[in-house]
Amino acid sequence: MSKKQEKVADVVEAPRENPLKRFTKYVEESRVELRKITWPTLQTTKKVSIAVLGFVAVMAVLLGLVDLGLSSLIKALLS
C-alpha cells in the first residue's frame, strides 16, 4: 500500500467522537476564549457610537448632495 492509501486508511479507521462530547468540548473552548476578550468600557462604547453616527450623518448629507447634483444634471441634459 502506498503512503497516501495508508493515510486514507488511518482517517477512515479513526473512531469519531460522540457528537455530544464534541459539542460539549466546543462550548467549553468557546467559554475559555470569551474570557480572554477585553471588553470596552461604557464610556468608550458611547464615544465610538457617537463617532460612527456622526460619520454616517455626514456621509448621508454628502451622498444626498451628490445625488441631487447628478439628478439635476441628468434632468438638464434630457430636457
N, C-alpha and C. Protein backbone atom coordinates (compact mmCIF):
# COMPACT_ATOMS: atom_id res chain seq x y z
N MET A 1 0.84 -1.18 0.00
CA MET A 1 0.00 0.00 0.00
C MET A 1 0.89 1.25 0.00
N SER A 2 0.48 2.26 -0.75
CA SER A 2 1.26 3.49 -0.80
C SER A 2 0.99 4.32 0.46
N LYS A 3 1.84 5.35 0.66
CA LYS A 3 1.68 6.19 1.85
C LYS A 3 0.34 6.93 1.83
N LYS A 4 -0.07 7.34 0.63
CA LYS A 4 -1.34 8.05 0.51
C LYS A 4 -2.50 7.14 0.92
N GLN A 5 -2.46 5.90 0.47
CA GLN A 5 -3.51 4.95 0.81
C GLN A 5 -3.50 4.66 2.32
N GLU A 6 -2.29 4.63 2.93
CA GLU A 6 -2.20 4.39 4.37
C GLU A 6 -2.84 5.54 5.15
N LYS A 7 -2.59 6.78 4.69
CA LYS A 7 -3.18 7.94 5.36
C LYS A 7 -4.70 7.90 5.26
N VAL A 8 -5.20 7.56 4.09
CA VAL A 8 -6.64 7.48 3.90
C VAL A 8 -7.21 6.38 4.80
N ALA A 9 -6.53 5.27 4.89
CA ALA A 9 -6.98 4.17 5.72
C ALA A 9 -7.00 4.58 7.19
N ASP A 10 -5.99 5.35 7.64
CA ASP A 10 -5.95 5.82 9.03
C ASP A 10 -7.13 6.73 9.32
N VAL A 11 -7.46 7.60 8.38
CA VAL A 11 -8.57 8.52 8.57
C VAL A 11 -9.88 7.76 8.63
N VAL A 12 -10.05 6.79 7.78
CA VAL A 12 -11.29 6.01 7.74
C VAL A 12 -11.44 5.19 9.00
N GLU A 13 -10.35 4.63 9.53
CA GLU A 13 -10.42 3.76 10.68
C GLU A 13 -10.50 4.52 12.00
N ALA A 14 -10.14 5.81 12.02
CA ALA A 14 -10.15 6.57 13.26
C ALA A 14 -11.59 6.71 13.77
N PRO A 15 -11.81 6.34 15.02
CA PRO A 15 -13.18 6.45 15.56
C PRO A 15 -13.55 7.91 15.77
N ARG A 16 -14.78 8.24 15.46
CA ARG A 16 -15.26 9.60 15.65
C ARG A 16 -15.78 9.74 17.07
N GLU A 17 -15.58 10.93 17.62
CA GLU A 17 -16.08 11.19 18.96
C GLU A 17 -17.61 11.28 18.94
N ASN A 18 -18.17 11.06 20.07
CA ASN A 18 -19.60 11.21 20.26
C ASN A 18 -19.96 12.67 19.95
N PRO A 19 -21.01 12.92 19.17
CA PRO A 19 -21.39 14.31 18.84
C PRO A 19 -21.67 15.16 20.08
N LEU A 20 -22.21 14.56 21.12
CA LEU A 20 -22.47 15.30 22.35
C LEU A 20 -21.16 15.72 23.02
N LYS A 21 -20.16 14.84 23.00
CA LYS A 21 -18.85 15.17 23.55
C LYS A 21 -18.19 16.29 22.75
N ARG A 22 -18.31 16.21 21.42
CA ARG A 22 -17.72 17.26 20.58
C ARG A 22 -18.38 18.60 20.84
N PHE A 23 -19.71 18.60 21.00
CA PHE A 23 -20.42 19.85 21.27
C PHE A 23 -20.02 20.41 22.63
N THR A 24 -19.93 19.54 23.64
CA THR A 24 -19.54 19.97 24.98
C THR A 24 -18.14 20.56 24.95
N LYS A 25 -17.24 19.93 24.23
CA LYS A 25 -15.86 20.43 24.11
C LYS A 25 -15.85 21.80 23.42
N TYR A 26 -16.66 21.95 22.39
CA TYR A 26 -16.77 23.22 21.67
C TYR A 26 -17.25 24.33 22.61
N VAL A 27 -18.28 24.05 23.41
CA VAL A 27 -18.82 25.05 24.33
C VAL A 27 -17.77 25.43 25.37
N GLU A 28 -17.07 24.48 25.91
CA GLU A 28 -16.03 24.76 26.91
C GLU A 28 -14.92 25.61 26.31
N GLU A 29 -14.47 25.27 25.12
CA GLU A 29 -13.41 26.04 24.47
C GLU A 29 -13.89 27.45 24.13
N SER A 30 -15.15 27.60 23.77
CA SER A 30 -15.71 28.92 23.48
C SER A 30 -15.73 29.78 24.73
N ARG A 31 -16.11 29.21 25.85
CA ARG A 31 -16.14 29.96 27.10
C ARG A 31 -14.74 30.42 27.49
N VAL A 32 -13.74 29.56 27.28
CA VAL A 32 -12.36 29.94 27.59
C VAL A 32 -11.94 31.12 26.72
N GLU A 33 -12.27 31.07 25.44
CA GLU A 33 -11.90 32.16 24.53
C GLU A 33 -12.64 33.45 24.88
N LEU A 34 -13.89 33.36 25.27
CA LEU A 34 -14.66 34.56 25.64
C LEU A 34 -14.07 35.24 26.87
N ARG A 35 -13.48 34.48 27.76
CA ARG A 35 -12.86 35.08 28.96
C ARG A 35 -11.60 35.86 28.60
N LYS A 36 -11.00 35.59 27.47
CA LYS A 36 -9.78 36.28 27.05
C LYS A 36 -10.07 37.65 26.45
N ILE A 37 -11.32 37.93 26.11
CA ILE A 37 -11.67 39.17 25.43
C ILE A 37 -11.60 40.34 26.40
N THR A 38 -11.03 41.45 25.93
CA THR A 38 -11.03 42.69 26.70
C THR A 38 -12.18 43.53 26.18
N TRP A 39 -13.25 43.64 26.96
CA TRP A 39 -14.44 44.36 26.54
C TRP A 39 -14.24 45.85 26.77
N PRO A 40 -14.76 46.70 25.86
CA PRO A 40 -14.62 48.15 26.05
C PRO A 40 -15.50 48.64 27.20
N THR A 41 -15.08 49.78 27.78
CA THR A 41 -15.88 50.37 28.85
C THR A 41 -17.12 51.03 28.25
N LEU A 42 -18.07 51.37 29.10
CA LEU A 42 -19.29 52.03 28.65
C LEU A 42 -18.96 53.38 28.01
N GLN A 43 -18.02 54.10 28.63
CA GLN A 43 -17.63 55.42 28.10
C GLN A 43 -17.02 55.29 26.70
N THR A 44 -16.17 54.32 26.51
CA THR A 44 -15.56 54.09 25.19
C THR A 44 -16.62 53.72 24.16
N THR A 45 -17.56 52.87 24.56
CA THR A 45 -18.63 52.46 23.65
C THR A 45 -19.47 53.65 23.23
N LYS A 46 -19.79 54.55 24.18
CA LYS A 46 -20.57 55.74 23.86
C LYS A 46 -19.82 56.64 22.88
N LYS A 47 -18.52 56.87 23.13
CA LYS A 47 -17.72 57.74 22.27
C LYS A 47 -17.65 57.19 20.85
N VAL A 48 -17.40 55.90 20.72
CA VAL A 48 -17.29 55.29 19.40
C VAL A 48 -18.64 55.30 18.69
N SER A 49 -19.71 55.06 19.42
CA SER A 49 -21.04 55.07 18.81
C SER A 49 -21.39 56.47 18.29
N ILE A 50 -21.07 57.50 19.06
CA ILE A 50 -21.32 58.87 18.62
C ILE A 50 -20.49 59.20 17.38
N ALA A 51 -19.24 58.75 17.36
CA ALA A 51 -18.38 58.99 16.20
C ALA A 51 -18.95 58.31 14.96
N VAL A 52 -19.41 57.09 15.10
CA VAL A 52 -19.98 56.36 13.96
C VAL A 52 -21.25 57.04 13.47
N LEU A 53 -22.12 57.43 14.39
CA LEU A 53 -23.37 58.10 14.00
C LEU A 53 -23.07 59.44 13.31
N GLY A 54 -22.07 60.17 13.81
CA GLY A 54 -21.68 61.42 13.18
C GLY A 54 -21.16 61.20 11.77
N PHE A 55 -20.33 60.19 11.60
CA PHE A 55 -19.80 59.87 10.28
C PHE A 55 -20.91 59.48 9.32
N VAL A 56 -21.84 58.69 9.79
CA VAL A 56 -22.96 58.26 8.95
C VAL A 56 -23.80 59.47 8.53
N ALA A 57 -24.04 60.39 9.46
CA ALA A 57 -24.82 61.59 9.14
C ALA A 57 -24.11 62.44 8.09
N VAL A 58 -22.82 62.65 8.25
CA VAL A 58 -22.05 63.44 7.28
C VAL A 58 -22.08 62.78 5.91
N MET A 59 -21.87 61.46 5.87
CA MET A 59 -21.88 60.76 4.59
C MET A 59 -23.26 60.79 3.95
N ALA A 60 -24.32 60.74 4.74
CA ALA A 60 -25.68 60.80 4.20
C ALA A 60 -25.92 62.15 3.54
N VAL A 61 -25.47 63.22 4.19
CA VAL A 61 -25.62 64.56 3.61
C VAL A 61 -24.82 64.68 2.32
N LEU A 62 -23.56 64.21 2.36
CA LEU A 62 -22.72 64.30 1.16
C LEU A 62 -23.31 63.50 -0.01
N LEU A 63 -23.73 62.28 0.26
CA LEU A 63 -24.30 61.46 -0.80
C LEU A 63 -25.62 62.04 -1.30
N GLY A 64 -26.40 62.64 -0.39
CA GLY A 64 -27.63 63.30 -0.81
C GLY A 64 -27.35 64.47 -1.74
N LEU A 65 -26.32 65.26 -1.42
CA LEU A 65 -25.95 66.38 -2.28
C LEU A 65 -25.45 65.90 -3.64
N VAL A 66 -24.66 64.85 -3.66
CA VAL A 66 -24.17 64.29 -4.92
C VAL A 66 -25.35 63.78 -5.74
N ASP A 67 -26.28 63.10 -5.11
CA ASP A 67 -27.47 62.59 -5.79
C ASP A 67 -28.30 63.73 -6.36
N LEU A 68 -28.49 64.77 -5.57
CA LEU A 68 -29.25 65.93 -6.03
C LEU A 68 -28.57 66.59 -7.23
N GLY A 69 -27.25 66.73 -7.13
CA GLY A 69 -26.50 67.33 -8.24
C GLY A 69 -26.57 66.51 -9.51
N LEU A 70 -26.39 65.21 -9.38
CA LEU A 70 -26.44 64.35 -10.54
C LEU A 70 -27.86 64.30 -11.13
N SER A 71 -28.88 64.32 -10.28
CA SER A 71 -30.27 64.32 -10.76
C SER A 71 -30.53 65.60 -11.57
N SER A 72 -30.05 66.72 -11.04
CA SER A 72 -30.24 68.00 -11.76
C SER A 72 -29.50 67.98 -13.09
N LEU A 73 -28.32 67.40 -13.10
CA LEU A 73 -27.52 67.32 -14.34
C LEU A 73 -28.23 66.45 -15.37
N ILE A 74 -28.75 65.33 -14.96
CA ILE A 74 -29.45 64.43 -15.87
C ILE A 74 -30.72 65.10 -16.42
N LYS A 75 -31.46 65.78 -15.55
CA LYS A 75 -32.67 66.49 -15.99
C LYS A 75 -32.32 67.58 -17.00
N ALA A 76 -31.24 68.29 -16.76
CA ALA A 76 -30.81 69.35 -17.66
C ALA A 76 -30.39 68.78 -19.02
N LEU A 77 -29.72 67.64 -19.00
CA LEU A 77 -29.27 67.01 -20.24
C LEU A 77 -30.43 66.45 -21.05
N LEU A 78 -31.44 65.93 -20.37
CA LEU A 78 -32.56 65.28 -21.06
C LEU A 78 -33.65 66.26 -21.49
N SER A 79 -33.65 67.48 -20.95
CA SER A 79 -34.71 68.42 -21.34
C SER A 79 -34.26 69.40 -22.39
